[in-house]
Amino acid sequence: MTVLAVTVWLGAKATIIQTELKAANALIPTLKSEIKANNALQAAETVDTLVKHTKSARDAADDPVWKAAAVLPWLGPNLQAVSEASISADDVARLGAAPLVGTFQSLDWKSLAPTADGMNLAALQSAAPQVQAAAHAVRESTRRLNSIETNNLLPQVSEPLFEARSGLASLQEDLDTAADVARLAPSMLGAEKPKRYLLLMQNNAESRATGGIPGAVAVLHVDKGQLKLEAQTSAAALGAFTPPVAIGAEEQVIYSARVGKFMQDVNLTPDFATTAETAKAMWEKRYGEPLDGVVSLDPIALSFILEATGPVPLTDPGLLQIANDLPTQLTSRNVVQTLLSDAYAKINEPKLQDVYFAEAAKEIFGALSSGQTDPKRLMEALAKGVEDRRILLWSGSPEEQDTIGRYKVGGRVSGPVISPAEFGVYFNDGTGAKMDYWMKRSVQIVKDCTRDGYREVDVRVTSTNTAPADAALTLPAYVTGAGIFGVPAGTVQTNIVAYGPVQSHIDTVLKDGDKIPFAAQTHNQRAVGTSTVQLAPGQSMVLEFKFGHIVQLSEPKIVVTPTTQPVKDVIQPANLSACE
């Protein structure tokens, strides 16, 4: 072949490869949507089309002339990169997407929803090897693409390569998650033997770093996917632990020994692994009953679950007797206000308030296990709860916990789950009351500059007490605290704890624009600053935490305590001031 003929031939093959890979890439969002919508038949058709496109691209790159030209000094690396992209795309389609969709088709999703008889965990166990193989195929393809040197590639080659890397990274993350769930879920749901988890029901009306005070606790018994609440009690019933359960030295300095002394304070720390280990130790020490792990959720997470179960009637006679003038059924719309506000107005005795909270959760779990739950909506509800950090999980098995700790559901403040430039803002009530129902907060980054080779980031926290002006007179004493802990009734006191990235410093804290003293510490190499605010009804206050010596260059990310507000309303888009 002449040089002209070779050039034309290579151009034609390049056009085929580009066209086919672009068509394949365009199908990925469609495939994801079909899987999310539980449309197995359409997903199978889409993946068949996807494989046809990637095969055509791979065949074109396997052409003898193309392969011969790939060894040339200047053009060769570009052709090799295109070949690798074609091979990787075809491997992902054939070895990743196709088997995954086949497994998806074979699963009876309704059988995976909880029922009175449990779940069909055998199907999930059978699917696990296929899902793990698919994840491995994508992981290997990602590794192959990432190994390609891009500095000397033509823009027409490097730009699509970067897009492919980004797309594969996202797909790899999704598949790794699916593989881990398929591997861990059967065992943790009691496929081989029953499991017992301590359930912490967090009450956001009295804030703690991971959400709210765990006023009500119970043991969740899980056997072959069958869920049952046992041994319900209040956190206060466990009493004080003397000496306190030991926690890490850094956390003890920041949050005090109260974390290990009272069940109500185990989540003053935002690190759920510490919370869970401490709560487990307390329960086992007090009652002598071994536990396999700890689960935590709040009333907002319950509202998500109620979207899947539908309204839950409150049928227990004892509960109805306690629940004076409260709703006789809980729905996704009324459960938060009922549990975090109305229950305190209608039930005078604090112990009975805890009983009502626990019994309401029991009724919801009963509905969840009734077999009437919409499985798709349940999956969405649980995913939303995990995304907002309202559902947290810890396992006493080191192997299981090692995997859980890599995801949001683990609630860690250090390790691989933490973004490089992550900032955390956590709220701990200092009122000793249930006034956080009335608090509105927002968190945003207001400065992101570089000076002397280091990054400087300012995080602004705005807090407003929206309680009525006469809260001290019109709200129950149990809600306001009645000044028992030195905070005037109706006023809210909050300890605000801000975390910076690893190796950063916290230089200054401003309150409404003025410098104030603050406590500066470190936790797992992250800078930590703590300041206390006290707000009367109608009052607002702005704190700015100024972090410096930041070496991470990635996009900043904010994590906050889940409150009664939607998380999206608390975390505001950055509003950056000019750099000096």
Protein backbone atom coordinates (compact mmCIF):
# COMPACT_ATOMS: atom_id res chain seq x y z
CA MET A 1 0.00 0.00 0.00
CA THR A 2 1.19 3.51 -0.75
CA VAL A 3 1.64 6.13 1.97
CA LEU A 4 -1.52 7.86 0.74
CA ALA A 5 -3.48 4.61 0.82
CA VAL A 6 -2.22 3.82 4.32
CA THR A 7 -3.18 7.32 5.49
CA VAL A 8 -6.69 6.99 4.05
CA TRP A 9 -7.06 3.51 5.53
CA LEU A 10 -5.96 4.63 9.00
CA GLY A 11 -8.25 7.63 8.78
CA ALA A 12 -11.20 5.39 7.95
CA LYS A 13 -10.42 3.09 10.87
CA ALA A 14 -10.01 6.05 13.21
CA THR A 15 -13.42 7.34 12.15
CA ILE A 16 -14.99 3.95 12.87
CA ILE A 17 -13.35 3.74 16.29
CA GLN A 18 -14.35 7.29 17.20
CA THR A 19 -17.94 6.83 16.01
CA GLU A 20 -18.42 3.48 17.76
CA LEU A 21 -16.87 4.56 21.06
CA LYS A 22 -18.90 7.76 21.09
CA ALA A 23 -22.07 5.74 20.47
CA ALA A 24 -21.11 3.31 23.24
CA ASN A 25 -20.34 6.12 25.67
CA ALA A 26 -23.72 7.72 24.99
CA LEU A 27 -25.48 4.51 26.09
CA ILE A 28 -23.93 4.42 29.59
CA PRO A 29 -26.30 7.01 31.16
CA THR A 30 -29.24 5.22 29.54
CA LEU A 31 -28.12 1.89 30.95
CA LYS A 32 -27.70 3.33 34.45
CA SER A 33 -31.19 4.88 34.29
CA GLU A 34 -32.75 1.60 33.18
CA ILE A 35 -31.09 -0.33 36.00
CA LYS A 36 -32.16 2.32 38.51
CA ALA A 37 -35.73 2.10 37.18
CA ASN A 38 -35.67 -1.70 37.56
CA ASN A 39 -36.24 -2.08 33.80
CA ALA A 40 -34.31 -5.32 33.28
CA LEU A 41 -35.61 -6.06 29.76
CA GLN A 42 -34.68 -2.64 28.38
CA ALA A 43 -31.31 -2.76 30.14
CA ALA A 44 -30.55 -6.09 28.44
CA GLU A 45 -31.33 -4.61 25.02
CA THR A 46 -29.17 -1.58 25.74
CA VAL A 47 -26.20 -3.66 26.84
CA ASP A 48 -26.49 -5.80 23.66
CA THR A 49 -26.24 -2.62 21.59
CA LEU A 50 -23.37 -1.40 23.74
CA VAL A 51 -21.39 -4.60 23.12
CA LYS A 52 -21.92 -4.30 19.36
CA HIS A 53 -20.47 -0.79 19.36
CA THR A 54 -17.44 -1.67 21.49
CA LYS A 55 -16.75 -4.81 19.44
CA SER A 56 -16.75 -2.76 16.22
CA ALA A 57 -14.28 -0.29 17.75
CA ARG A 58 -12.03 -3.10 19.00
CA ASP A 59 -12.11 -4.89 15.63
CA ALA A 60 -11.11 -1.66 13.87
CA ALA A 61 -8.17 -1.19 16.26
CA ASP A 62 -7.15 -4.83 15.70
CA ASP A 63 -6.60 -4.16 11.97
CA PRO A 64 -3.12 -5.30 10.77
CA VAL A 65 -2.29 -1.92 9.17
CA TRP A 66 -3.33 -0.08 12.32
CA LYS A 67 -1.20 -2.37 14.49
CA ALA A 68 1.79 -1.97 12.19
CA ALA A 69 1.51 1.83 12.27
CA ALA A 70 1.29 1.73 16.06
CA VAL A 71 5.05 1.03 16.28
CA LEU A 72 6.02 4.23 14.45
CA PRO A 73 7.93 6.80 16.57
CA TRP A 74 5.51 9.78 16.46
CA LEU A 75 2.15 8.43 15.35
CA GLY A 76 2.50 5.12 17.18
CA PRO A 77 1.76 6.23 20.78
CA ASN A 78 -1.46 7.88 19.61
CA LEU A 79 -2.63 4.76 17.81
CA GLN A 80 -1.64 2.59 20.79
CA ALA A 81 -3.66 4.83 23.11
CA VAL A 82 -6.70 4.52 20.85
CA SER A 83 -6.25 0.74 20.76
CA GLU A 84 -6.07 0.56 24.56
CA ALA A 85 -9.21 2.67 24.84
CA SER A 86 -11.03 0.37 22.41
CA ILE A 87 -9.90 -2.79 24.21
CA SER A 88 -10.84 -1.35 27.58
CA ALA A 89 -14.28 -0.25 26.37
CA ASP A 90 -14.97 -3.71 24.95
CA ASP A 91 -13.77 -5.44 28.12
CA VAL A 92 -16.01 -3.21 30.23
CA ALA A 93 -19.00 -3.97 27.99
CA ARG A 94 -18.46 -7.73 27.66
CA LEU A 95 -16.92 -8.61 31.02
CA GLY A 96 -18.51 -5.91 33.15
CA ALA A 97 -21.82 -4.54 31.88
CA ALA A 98 -23.17 -7.66 30.17
CA PRO A 99 -22.73 -10.09 33.12
CA LEU A 100 -23.97 -7.43 35.53
CA VAL A 101 -27.19 -6.89 33.58
CA GLY A 102 -27.61 -10.67 33.31
CA THR A 103 -27.36 -10.93 37.08
CA PHE A 104 -29.73 -8.00 37.45
CA GLN A 105 -32.28 -9.81 35.26
CA SER A 106 -32.02 -13.00 37.30
CA LEU A 107 -32.74 -11.34 40.65
CA ASP A 108 -36.28 -11.17 41.99
CA TRP A 109 -36.08 -7.78 43.62
CA LYS A 110 -39.34 -8.24 45.51
CA SER A 111 -37.84 -11.23 47.29
CA LEU A 112 -35.04 -9.00 48.59
CA ALA A 113 -37.48 -6.76 50.45
CA PRO A 114 -38.06 -7.67 54.14
CA THR A 115 -41.08 -9.85 54.92
CA ALA A 116 -42.36 -11.70 57.96
CA ASP A 117 -40.39 -14.71 56.66
CA GLY A 118 -37.21 -12.76 55.96
CA MET A 119 -35.45 -12.17 52.64
CA ASN A 120 -34.25 -14.36 49.80
CA LEU A 121 -30.58 -13.90 50.63
CA ALA A 122 -29.52 -16.97 48.64
CA ALA A 123 -30.18 -15.06 45.39
CA LEU A 124 -27.93 -12.24 46.53
CA GLN A 125 -25.23 -14.72 47.58
CA SER A 126 -25.39 -16.33 44.13
CA ALA A 127 -25.09 -12.95 42.44
CA ALA A 128 -22.03 -11.87 44.43
CA PRO A 129 -19.35 -13.67 42.32
CA GLN A 130 -20.71 -12.20 39.06
CA VAL A 131 -20.83 -8.71 40.49
CA GLN A 132 -17.30 -9.04 41.88
CA ALA A 133 -16.04 -10.32 38.50
CA ALA A 134 -17.64 -7.37 36.73
CA ALA A 135 -16.05 -4.97 39.21
CA HIS A 136 -12.66 -6.63 38.64
CA ALA A 137 -12.97 -6.26 34.85
CA VAL A 138 -13.71 -2.56 35.13
CA ARG A 139 -10.93 -2.09 37.69
CA GLU A 140 -8.39 -3.69 35.33
CA SER A 141 -9.59 -1.59 32.39
CA THR A 142 -9.28 1.53 34.51
CA ARG A 143 -5.75 0.57 35.51
CA ARG A 144 -4.81 -0.03 31.86
CA LEU A 145 -6.13 3.36 30.73
CA ASN A 146 -4.51 5.18 33.64
CA SER A 147 -1.12 3.71 32.70
CA ILE A 148 -1.13 5.41 29.28
CA GLU A 149 1.31 8.34 29.05
CA THR A 150 -0.66 11.32 27.76
CA ASN A 151 1.91 14.12 27.59
CA ASN A 152 2.79 13.63 23.89
CA LEU A 153 -0.61 12.57 22.57
CA LEU A 154 -2.57 14.57 20.05
CA PRO A 155 -5.52 16.53 21.54
CA GLN A 156 -7.91 14.46 19.36
CA VAL A 157 -6.65 11.38 21.22
CA SER A 158 -5.93 12.69 24.73
CA GLU A 159 -9.26 14.47 25.29
CA PRO A 160 -11.44 11.38 24.61
CA LEU A 161 -8.98 9.36 26.70
CA PHE A 162 -9.48 11.69 29.68
CA GLU A 163 -13.26 11.37 29.24
CA ALA A 164 -12.97 7.58 29.17
CA ARG A 165 -10.87 7.61 32.34
CA SER A 166 -13.42 9.77 34.13
CA GLY A 167 -16.33 7.60 33.00
CA LEU A 168 -14.57 4.40 34.01
CA ALA A 169 -13.65 5.81 37.41
CA SER A 170 -17.32 6.56 38.10
CA LEU A 171 -18.39 3.13 36.86
CA GLN A 172 -15.67 1.43 38.90
CA GLU A 173 -16.86 3.19 42.05
CA ASP A 174 -20.45 2.06 41.43
CA LEU A 175 -19.43 -1.53 40.73
CA ASP A 176 -17.05 -1.74 43.69
CA THR A 177 -19.91 -0.59 45.91
CA ALA A 178 -22.28 -3.17 44.40
CA ALA A 179 -19.67 -5.90 44.82
CA ASP A 180 -19.08 -5.00 48.47
CA VAL A 181 -22.82 -4.93 49.21
CA ALA A 182 -23.36 -8.31 47.52
CA ARG A 183 -20.46 -9.76 49.51
CA LEU A 184 -21.32 -8.36 52.96
CA ALA A 185 -25.12 -8.06 53.01
CA PRO A 186 -26.06 -11.77 53.23
CA SER A 187 -23.80 -12.40 56.23
CA MET A 188 -24.74 -9.16 58.00
CA LEU A 189 -28.44 -9.92 57.45
CA GLY A 190 -28.11 -13.28 59.16
CA ALA A 191 -27.85 -15.68 56.21
CA GLU A 192 -25.62 -18.11 58.14
CA LYS A 193 -26.55 -17.26 61.72
CA PRO A 194 -28.69 -14.66 63.51
CA LYS A 195 -27.12 -11.27 64.15
CA ARG A 196 -27.83 -8.76 66.91
CA TYR A 197 -27.22 -5.06 66.37
CA LEU A 198 -27.59 -2.23 68.85
CA LEU A 199 -29.98 0.32 67.31
CA LEU A 200 -29.36 3.94 68.28
CA MET A 201 -32.40 6.09 67.50
CA GLN A 202 -30.96 9.58 67.26
CA ASN A 203 -33.14 12.53 68.24
CA ASN A 204 -32.19 15.64 66.22
CA ALA A 205 -34.13 17.90 68.63
CA GLU A 206 -31.01 17.67 70.85
CA SER A 207 -28.06 17.75 68.51
CA ARG A 208 -25.04 15.52 68.63
CA ALA A 209 -22.22 15.45 66.09
CA THR A 210 -23.63 12.47 64.16
CA GLY A 211 -27.21 13.76 64.32
CA GLY A 212 -28.93 13.73 67.70
CA ILE A 213 -28.93 12.32 71.20
CA PRO A 214 -29.58 8.55 71.18
CA GLY A 215 -32.48 8.84 73.61
CA ALA A 216 -34.00 5.47 72.71
CA VAL A 217 -31.99 2.31 72.09
CA ALA A 218 -32.93 -1.25 71.19
CA VAL A 219 -31.50 -4.50 69.92
CA LEU A 220 -32.25 -5.28 66.28
CA HIS A 221 -32.39 -9.06 65.80
CA VAL A 222 -31.77 -10.15 62.21
CA ASP A 223 -32.23 -13.77 61.08
CA LYS A 224 -32.16 -14.60 57.36
CA GLY A 225 -33.30 -11.07 56.62
CA GLN A 226 -36.14 -11.12 59.15
CA LEU A 227 -36.06 -7.96 61.29
CA LYS A 228 -37.25 -7.79 64.89
CA LEU A 229 -36.75 -5.15 67.58
CA GLU A 230 -35.92 -6.48 71.04
CA ALA A 231 -34.81 -5.17 74.44
CA GLN A 232 -35.96 -1.60 73.94
CA THR A 233 -34.96 0.95 76.56
CA SER A 234 -33.79 4.53 76.99
CA ALA A 235 -30.18 5.67 76.95
CA ALA A 236 -30.72 7.20 80.40
CA ALA A 237 -31.67 3.77 81.80
CA LEU A 238 -28.09 2.55 81.30
CA GLY A 239 -26.89 5.13 83.84
CA ALA A 240 -23.34 6.44 84.21
CA PHE A 241 -20.25 4.30 83.57
CA THR A 242 -17.52 4.68 86.17
CA PRO A 243 -14.77 4.50 85.10
CA PRO A 244 -15.84 5.67 81.64
CA VAL A 245 -15.38 3.42 78.62
CA ALA A 246 -11.96 4.33 77.16
CA ILE A 247 -11.82 6.36 73.94
CA GLY A 248 -8.90 7.81 71.97
CA ALA A 249 -6.81 10.47 73.73
CA GLU A 250 -7.43 13.11 71.03
CA GLU A 251 -11.19 12.64 71.12
CA GLN A 252 -11.21 12.75 74.91
CA VAL A 253 -9.44 16.13 74.83
CA ILE A 254 -11.95 17.53 72.31
CA TYR A 255 -15.18 15.96 73.56
CA SER A 256 -14.35 15.00 77.18
CA ALA A 257 -14.72 11.67 78.95
CA ARG A 258 -18.52 12.06 78.75
CA VAL A 259 -18.37 10.14 75.45
CA GLY A 260 -17.51 7.02 77.45
CA LYS A 261 -19.55 7.86 80.53
CA PHE A 262 -23.12 8.29 79.24
CA MET A 263 -24.91 6.53 76.40
CA GLN A 264 -26.57 9.90 75.65
CA ASP A 265 -23.12 11.34 74.79
CA VAL A 266 -21.48 8.52 72.81
CA ASN A 267 -21.91 10.56 69.62
CA LEU A 268 -20.49 13.86 70.77
CA THR A 269 -17.68 12.76 68.46
CA PRO A 270 -18.49 12.80 64.72
CA ASP A 271 -16.55 9.55 64.23
CA PHE A 272 -19.23 6.87 64.22
CA ALA A 273 -16.73 4.05 64.68
CA THR A 274 -15.83 5.52 68.09
CA THR A 275 -19.52 6.03 68.88
CA ALA A 276 -20.43 2.47 67.95
CA GLU A 277 -17.54 0.76 69.72
CA THR A 278 -18.29 2.76 72.87
CA ALA A 279 -22.05 2.09 72.74
CA LYS A 280 -21.44 -1.62 72.16
CA ALA A 281 -19.07 -1.78 75.13
CA MET A 282 -21.61 0.01 77.34
CA TRP A 283 -24.46 -2.32 76.39
CA GLU A 284 -22.40 -5.47 76.86
CA LYS A 285 -21.02 -4.24 80.18
CA ARG A 286 -24.45 -3.31 81.51
CA TYR A 287 -26.50 -6.26 80.21
CA GLY A 288 -23.91 -8.92 79.39
CA GLU A 289 -25.41 -9.51 75.95
CA PRO A 290 -22.94 -9.77 73.03
CA LEU A 291 -23.63 -7.66 69.93
CA ASP A 292 -22.49 -8.01 66.33
CA GLY A 293 -22.59 -4.34 65.45
CA VAL A 294 -24.36 -1.00 65.76
CA VAL A 295 -26.92 0.73 63.51
CA SER A 296 -28.05 4.32 63.84
CA LEU A 297 -30.87 6.32 62.27
CA ASP A 298 -32.93 9.44 62.94
CA PRO A 299 -36.60 10.46 62.44
CA ILE A 300 -35.81 12.00 59.06
CA ALA A 301 -34.46 8.62 57.93
CA LEU A 302 -37.68 7.09 59.27
CA SER A 303 -39.62 9.52 57.07
CA PHE A 304 -37.70 8.22 54.05
CA ILE A 305 -38.56 4.63 55.03
CA LEU A 306 -42.23 5.56 55.47
CA GLU A 307 -42.25 6.66 51.83
CA ALA A 308 -41.63 2.99 51.01
CA THR A 309 -43.93 1.40 53.60
CA GLY A 310 -46.79 3.88 53.36
CA PRO A 311 -48.64 5.13 56.48
CA VAL A 312 -48.10 3.04 59.62
CA PRO A 313 -51.02 2.77 62.08
CA LEU A 314 -50.09 2.92 65.76
CA THR A 315 -52.00 -0.05 67.14
CA ASP A 316 -50.31 -0.81 70.47
CA PRO A 317 -52.84 0.01 73.24
CA GLY A 318 -50.12 1.18 75.60
CA LEU A 319 -48.71 3.49 72.94
CA LEU A 320 -52.14 4.96 72.18
CA GLN A 321 -52.66 5.61 75.88
CA ILE A 322 -49.37 7.51 76.07
CA ALA A 323 -49.99 9.35 72.79
CA ASN A 324 -52.53 11.90 73.96
CA ASP A 325 -53.86 13.83 70.92
CA LEU A 326 -50.98 12.64 68.74
CA PRO A 327 -51.56 11.12 65.27
CA THR A 328 -52.89 7.57 65.27
CA GLN A 329 -50.76 6.78 62.23
CA LEU A 330 -47.31 7.91 61.21
CA THR A 331 -46.59 9.06 57.67
CA SER A 332 -43.58 10.41 55.83
CA ARG A 333 -45.11 13.87 56.25
CA ASN A 334 -45.88 13.89 59.99
CA VAL A 335 -43.28 11.62 61.61
CA VAL A 336 -40.56 14.26 62.05
CA GLN A 337 -42.81 16.86 63.66
CA THR A 338 -44.55 14.20 65.74
CA LEU A 339 -41.37 12.70 67.17
CA LEU A 340 -39.25 15.84 67.49
CA SER A 341 -41.83 18.43 68.57
CA ASP A 342 -45.42 17.36 69.19
CA ALA A 343 -44.52 14.40 71.40
CA TYR A 344 -42.87 16.79 73.88
CA ALA A 345 -45.89 19.10 73.89
CA LYS A 346 -48.39 16.27 74.43
CA ILE A 347 -46.44 13.87 76.68
CA ASN A 348 -45.29 15.44 79.93
CA GLU A 349 -43.19 12.63 81.39
CA PRO A 350 -39.66 12.38 79.80
CA LYS A 351 -39.52 8.61 80.35
CA LEU A 352 -42.81 8.19 78.48
CA GLN A 353 -41.49 10.39 75.69
CA ASP A 354 -38.62 7.91 75.22
CA VAL A 355 -41.11 5.03 75.35
CA TYR A 356 -43.24 6.67 72.67
CA PHE A 357 -40.18 7.26 70.47
CA ALA A 358 -39.05 3.63 70.81
CA GLU A 359 -42.52 2.15 70.28
CA ALA A 360 -43.10 4.30 67.20
CA ALA A 361 -39.84 3.00 65.74
CA LYS A 362 -40.95 -0.55 66.58
CA GLU A 363 -44.21 -0.06 64.66
CA ILE A 364 -42.30 1.26 61.65
CA PHE A 365 -39.90 -1.69 61.71
CA GLY A 366 -42.90 -3.99 61.96
CA ALA A 367 -44.38 -2.41 58.83
CA LEU A 368 -41.01 -2.70 57.14
CA SER A 369 -41.06 -6.46 57.75
CA SER A 370 -44.68 -6.93 56.69
CA GLY A 371 -43.89 -7.77 53.07
CA GLN A 372 -45.94 -4.82 51.79
CA THR A 373 -42.94 -2.54 51.30
CA ASP A 374 -42.15 -1.29 47.80
CA PRO A 375 -38.60 -2.70 47.26
CA LYS A 376 -37.52 0.00 44.82
CA ARG A 377 -38.70 2.80 47.10
CA LEU A 378 -37.07 1.09 50.06
CA MET A 379 -33.71 0.95 48.27
CA GLU A 380 -34.08 4.64 47.38
CA ALA A 381 -35.02 5.50 50.98
CA LEU A 382 -32.01 3.68 52.42
CA ALA A 383 -29.68 5.21 49.82
CA LYS A 384 -30.99 8.69 50.64
CA GLY A 385 -30.55 8.08 54.37
CA VAL A 386 -26.96 6.94 53.83
CA GLU A 387 -26.19 9.84 51.48
CA ASP A 388 -27.37 12.32 54.13
CA ARG A 389 -25.46 10.41 56.85
CA ARG A 390 -28.71 9.76 58.71
CA ILE A 391 -28.21 5.99 58.53
CA LEU A 392 -24.90 4.75 59.91
CA LEU A 393 -23.47 1.26 60.36
CA TRP A 394 -20.60 -0.35 62.23
CA SER A 395 -19.64 -4.02 62.44
CA GLY A 396 -17.81 -5.81 65.21
CA SER A 397 -16.16 -7.99 62.55
CA PRO A 398 -12.82 -6.35 61.58
CA GLU A 399 -13.13 -7.67 58.02
CA GLU A 400 -16.63 -6.27 57.56
CA GLN A 401 -15.77 -3.00 59.28
CA ASP A 402 -12.73 -2.52 57.05
CA THR A 403 -15.09 -2.46 54.06
CA ILE A 404 -17.85 -0.42 55.75
CA GLY A 405 -15.31 2.22 56.77
CA ARG A 406 -14.61 2.97 53.10
CA TYR A 407 -18.17 4.29 52.61
CA LYS A 408 -20.34 7.11 53.95
CA VAL A 409 -22.46 4.62 55.87
CA GLY A 410 -19.45 4.06 58.13
CA GLY A 411 -19.50 7.69 59.31
CA ARG A 412 -15.71 8.01 59.61
CA VAL A 413 -13.77 11.27 59.92
CA SER A 414 -10.52 9.79 58.63
CA GLY A 415 -9.36 7.20 56.11
CA PRO A 416 -10.10 6.58 52.42
CA VAL A 417 -13.72 7.77 52.64
CA ILE A 418 -12.57 11.33 53.38
CA SER A 419 -12.14 13.67 50.40
CA PRO A 420 -8.66 15.27 50.28
CA ALA A 421 -9.99 18.82 50.86
CA GLU A 422 -12.85 17.92 53.20
CA PHE A 423 -14.21 20.27 55.85
CA GLY A 424 -16.56 19.03 58.57
CA VAL A 425 -18.91 21.15 60.66
CA TYR A 426 -20.60 19.38 63.57
CA PHE A 427 -23.12 20.54 66.18
CA ASN A 428 -23.35 19.44 69.80
CA ASP A 429 -26.13 20.76 72.03
CA GLY A 430 -25.01 22.58 75.16
CA THR A 431 -28.50 23.51 76.37
CA GLY A 432 -29.45 20.15 77.82
CA ALA A 433 -32.84 20.38 76.13
CA LYS A 434 -34.76 19.71 72.91
CA MET A 435 -34.48 23.15 71.29
CA ASP A 436 -32.58 22.12 68.16
CA TYR A 437 -35.90 21.50 66.42
CA TRP A 438 -36.10 25.31 66.22
CA MET A 439 -32.55 25.88 64.97
CA LYS A 440 -31.79 26.73 61.33
CA ARG A 441 -28.22 26.56 60.11
CA SER A 442 -26.21 27.02 56.95
CA VAL A 443 -22.57 26.23 56.13
CA GLN A 444 -20.62 27.52 53.14
CA ILE A 445 -17.10 28.26 51.95
CA VAL A 446 -16.58 32.00 51.59
CA LYS A 447 -12.86 32.18 50.79
CA ASP A 448 -10.48 29.91 48.87
CA CYS A 449 -7.11 31.54 48.22
CA THR A 450 -3.41 30.68 48.02
CA ARG A 451 -0.65 32.45 49.91
CA ASP A 452 3.02 31.51 50.25
CA GLY A 453 2.37 28.22 48.48
CA TYR A 454 -0.41 27.12 50.83
CA ARG A 455 -4.16 27.22 50.46
CA GLU A 456 -6.41 29.20 52.81
CA VAL A 457 -10.12 28.38 53.15
CA ASP A 458 -12.74 30.14 55.26
CA VAL A 459 -15.85 28.22 56.33
CA ARG A 460 -18.86 30.27 57.42
CA VAL A 461 -21.48 28.83 59.80
CA THR A 462 -24.71 30.79 60.25
CA SER A 463 -27.08 29.80 63.07
CA THR A 464 -30.58 31.16 63.80
CA ASN A 465 -32.92 30.40 66.69
CA THR A 466 -36.42 30.44 65.14
CA ALA A 467 -38.27 29.63 68.38
CA PRO A 468 -41.15 31.97 69.29
CA ALA A 469 -40.20 35.05 71.30
CA ASP A 470 -42.15 33.73 74.29
CA ALA A 471 -40.62 30.22 74.03
CA ALA A 472 -39.69 30.28 77.71
CA LEU A 473 -43.39 30.48 78.57
CA THR A 474 -45.11 28.61 75.73
CA LEU A 475 -42.81 25.64 75.14
CA PRO A 476 -42.65 22.73 77.61
CA ALA A 477 -39.93 22.95 80.26
CA TYR A 478 -38.44 19.68 78.99
CA VAL A 479 -38.00 21.29 75.55
CA THR A 480 -36.45 24.56 76.78
CA GLY A 481 -34.43 23.03 79.59
CA ALA A 482 -35.97 25.56 82.00
CA GLY A 483 -32.52 26.99 82.69
CA ILE A 484 -31.41 23.88 84.62
CA PHE A 485 -27.97 23.80 82.98
CA GLY A 486 -27.43 27.56 83.15
CA VAL A 487 -28.85 28.42 79.72
CA PRO A 488 -31.94 30.69 79.88
CA ALA A 489 -35.19 29.00 78.83
CA GLY A 490 -35.82 29.50 75.09
CA THR A 491 -32.13 30.17 74.41
CA VAL A 492 -30.07 27.58 72.52
CA GLN A 493 -26.42 26.89 73.26
CA THR A 494 -24.43 24.93 70.70
CA ASN A 495 -20.83 23.76 70.60
CA ILE A 496 -19.78 24.05 66.97
CA VAL A 497 -16.84 21.87 65.96
CA ALA A 498 -15.08 22.46 62.63
CA TYR A 499 -12.63 20.02 61.01
CA GLY A 500 -10.14 20.91 58.27
CA PRO A 501 -8.18 18.65 55.90
CA VAL A 502 -5.26 16.52 57.06
CA GLN A 503 -2.19 18.60 58.08
CA SER A 504 -4.09 21.89 57.88
CA HIS A 505 -4.10 24.52 60.63
CA ILE A 506 -6.98 26.53 62.04
CA ASP A 507 -5.70 30.06 62.39
CA THR A 508 -8.61 32.23 63.48
CA VAL A 509 -12.30 32.13 64.40
CA LEU A 510 -14.52 35.18 63.87
CA LYS A 511 -17.89 35.75 65.53
CA ASP A 512 -19.97 38.29 63.61
CA GLY A 513 -16.71 39.62 62.16
CA ASP A 514 -14.70 39.88 65.40
CA LYS A 515 -11.88 37.57 66.50
CA ILE A 516 -12.74 35.34 69.42
CA PRO A 517 -10.85 32.78 71.51
CA PHE A 518 -11.41 29.17 70.48
CA ALA A 519 -10.19 25.68 71.31
CA ALA A 520 -7.68 24.38 68.73
CA GLN A 521 -6.92 20.66 68.62
CA THR A 522 -6.20 17.85 66.17
CA HIS A 523 -7.99 14.59 65.46
CA ASN A 524 -6.29 12.02 63.22
CA GLN A 525 -4.04 14.77 61.80
CA ARG A 526 -7.03 16.99 60.96
CA ALA A 527 -7.18 20.51 62.41
CA VAL A 528 -10.14 20.94 64.79
CA GLY A 529 -11.58 24.20 66.10
CA THR A 530 -14.42 24.46 68.64
CA SER A 531 -16.49 27.50 69.55
CA THR A 532 -19.73 27.92 71.52
CA VAL A 533 -22.67 30.08 70.46
CA GLN A 534 -25.71 31.03 72.52
CA LEU A 535 -28.81 32.35 70.75
CA ALA A 536 -32.01 33.77 72.20
CA PRO A 537 -35.27 33.38 70.20
CA GLY A 538 -35.03 35.31 66.92
CA GLN A 539 -31.27 35.82 67.23
CA SER A 540 -28.69 34.87 64.55
CA MET A 541 -24.94 34.55 64.69
CA VAL A 542 -22.19 33.98 62.14
CA LEU A 543 -18.96 32.11 62.88
CA GLU A 544 -16.09 31.95 60.39
CA PHE A 545 -13.42 29.28 60.79
CA LYS A 546 -10.24 30.28 58.95
CA PHE A 547 -8.14 27.30 57.90
CA GLY A 548 -4.59 27.66 56.57
CA HIS A 549 -1.51 25.62 55.63
CA ILE A 550 -3.70 23.48 53.36
CA VAL A 551 -1.70 21.42 50.84
CA GLN A 552 -4.62 19.65 49.12
CA LEU A 553 -5.58 21.17 45.75
CA SER A 554 -8.82 19.30 45.06
CA GLU A 555 -12.32 20.76 45.13
CA PRO A 556 -13.38 21.54 48.72
CA LYS A 557 -16.16 19.41 50.18
CA ILE A 558 -18.33 20.09 53.22
CA VAL A 559 -19.77 17.47 55.58
CA VAL A 560 -22.22 18.49 58.32
CA THR A 561 -24.22 17.06 61.17
CA PRO A 562 -27.60 15.94 59.78
CA THR A 563 -30.21 18.16 61.44
CA THR A 564 -33.98 18.57 61.09
CA GLN A 565 -33.28 20.55 57.90
CA PRO A 566 -32.58 18.86 54.55
CA VAL A 567 -28.80 18.57 54.21
CA LYS A 568 -28.97 20.37 50.85
CA ASP A 569 -30.41 23.41 52.66
CA VAL A 570 -27.62 23.43 55.23
CA ILE A 571 -24.68 23.06 52.83
CA GLN A 572 -24.79 26.17 50.65
CA PRO A 573 -22.87 26.75 47.38
CA ALA A 574 -19.55 28.54 47.83
CA ASN A 575 -19.73 32.34 47.78
CA LEU A 576 -16.09 33.36 47.48
CA SER A 577 -14.71 36.75 48.42
CA ALA A 578 -11.79 38.22 46.50
CA CYS A 579 -8.29 37.07 47.41
CA GLU A 580 -5.85 39.67 48.71
